Amino acid sequence: MVNTDFITIEVKKILTDILGLNERINSMEPDTILLGNIPELDSVAVVAILLAIERRFSIFIKDDEISAKTFETFGNLVNFISERYEKTKYYSHNSLV
């Protein structure tokens, strides 16, 4: 089982670093709207965030796995990462067996 608290904290760090949210990150809840609500979140920022997520969590995200819904809310983003991270851990573990 993935520790979503850990993922939430790390995603907040990534968003702060890339978007410069600073104090605004403290009010980020699962239902916080991202797309259309955070002016700094443009297409270039989305790419930077995805690259940072891939590096931080050692996951690979295919283009066809991403949609606007992924970045619709903070909770959607955390859930997406949790699911990808869990799959990566599963496949990594089973490839060693």
Protein backbone atom coordinates (compact mmCIF):
# COMPACT_ATOMS: atom_id res chain seq x y z
CA MET A 1 0.00 0.00 0.00
CA VAL A 2 1.29 3.41 -0.95
CA ASN A 3 1.73 6.05 1.74
CA THR A 4 -0.37 8.88 0.29
CA ASP A 5 0.80 11.27 3.02
CA PHE A 6 4.36 10.88 1.71
CA ILE A 7 3.20 11.42 -1.88
CA THR A 8 1.11 14.45 -0.86
CA ILE A 9 4.09 16.07 0.86
CA GLU A 10 6.41 15.39 -2.06
CA VAL A 11 3.90 16.69 -4.63
CA LYS A 12 3.48 19.87 -2.59
CA LYS A 13 7.28 20.31 -2.66
CA ILE A 14 7.34 19.81 -6.43
CA LEU A 15 4.49 22.28 -7.00
CA THR A 16 6.14 24.83 -4.72
CA ASP A 17 9.49 24.50 -6.50
CA ILE A 18 8.09 24.66 -10.03
CA LEU A 19 5.14 27.03 -9.60
CA GLY A 20 6.53 29.15 -6.76
CA LEU A 21 3.36 28.72 -4.71
CA ASN A 22 5.10 29.29 -1.36
CA GLU A 23 2.43 29.95 1.29
CA ARG A 24 -0.46 29.06 -1.04
CA ILE A 25 0.66 25.42 -0.92
CA ASN A 26 -0.41 25.23 2.76
CA SER A 27 -4.07 25.57 1.80
CA MET A 28 -3.84 22.82 -0.85
CA GLU A 29 -6.48 20.15 -0.15
CA PRO A 30 -7.55 17.14 -2.24
CA ASP A 31 -10.46 19.10 -3.71
CA THR A 32 -8.36 22.18 -4.54
CA ILE A 33 -8.83 23.04 -8.21
CA LEU A 34 -5.53 23.23 -10.10
CA LEU A 35 -6.33 23.79 -13.79
CA GLY A 36 -7.78 27.23 -14.34
CA ASN A 37 -7.23 28.19 -10.70
CA ILE A 38 -3.46 28.54 -10.57
CA PRO A 39 -2.22 30.99 -13.23
CA GLU A 40 1.32 29.60 -13.04
CA LEU A 41 0.07 26.15 -14.12
CA ASP A 42 0.48 26.35 -17.88
CA SER A 43 1.53 23.69 -20.40
CA VAL A 44 5.24 24.28 -19.78
CA ALA A 45 4.72 23.93 -16.03
CA VAL A 46 2.75 20.70 -16.53
CA VAL A 47 5.69 19.19 -18.44
CA ALA A 48 8.14 20.33 -15.75
CA ILE A 49 5.90 18.89 -13.01
CA LEU A 50 5.59 15.55 -14.81
CA LEU A 51 9.35 15.33 -15.25
CA ALA A 52 9.91 16.14 -11.58
CA ILE A 53 7.34 13.51 -10.56
CA GLU A 54 9.01 10.89 -12.74
CA ARG A 55 12.40 11.65 -11.18
CA ARG A 56 11.16 11.87 -7.60
CA PHE A 57 9.07 8.70 -7.63
CA SER A 58 11.11 6.70 -10.18
CA ILE A 59 8.08 6.20 -12.39
CA PHE A 60 7.54 6.55 -16.12
CA ILE A 61 4.44 8.36 -17.33
CA LYS A 62 3.32 7.79 -20.91
CA ASP A 63 1.71 10.67 -22.80
CA ASP A 64 -1.53 8.72 -23.25
CA GLU A 65 -1.84 8.25 -19.47
CA ILE A 66 -2.18 11.98 -18.87
CA SER A 67 -5.36 13.98 -19.33
CA ALA A 68 -6.73 17.28 -18.11
CA LYS A 69 -8.53 15.31 -15.39
CA THR A 70 -5.12 14.38 -13.90
CA PHE A 71 -4.46 18.06 -13.15
CA GLU A 72 -8.07 19.02 -12.44
CA THR A 73 -7.63 18.84 -8.66
CA PHE A 74 -4.75 18.32 -6.27
CA GLY A 75 -6.34 15.05 -5.14
CA ASN A 76 -6.55 13.76 -8.72
CA LEU A 77 -2.85 14.44 -9.18
CA VAL A 78 -1.91 12.69 -5.92
CA ASN A 79 -4.15 9.72 -6.75
CA PHE A 80 -2.67 9.43 -10.24
CA ILE A 81 0.86 9.37 -8.82
CA SER A 82 -0.14 6.89 -6.10
CA GLU A 83 -1.56 4.50 -8.70
CA ARG A 84 1.49 4.77 -10.97
CA TYR A 85 3.86 4.39 -8.02
CA GLU A 86 2.01 1.30 -6.79
CA LYS A 87 2.14 -0.29 -10.27
CA THR A 88 5.85 0.47 -10.55
CA LYS A 89 6.56 -1.08 -7.16
CA TYR A 90 4.50 -4.16 -8.11
CA TYR A 91 6.28 -4.69 -11.42
CA SER A 92 9.71 -3.99 -9.94
CA HIS A 93 9.11 -6.50 -7.16
CA ASN A 94 7.75 -9.20 -9.48
CA SER A 95 10.59 -8.80 -11.96
CA LEU A 96 12.99 -9.68 -9.16
CA VAL A 97 11.16 -12.89 -8.29
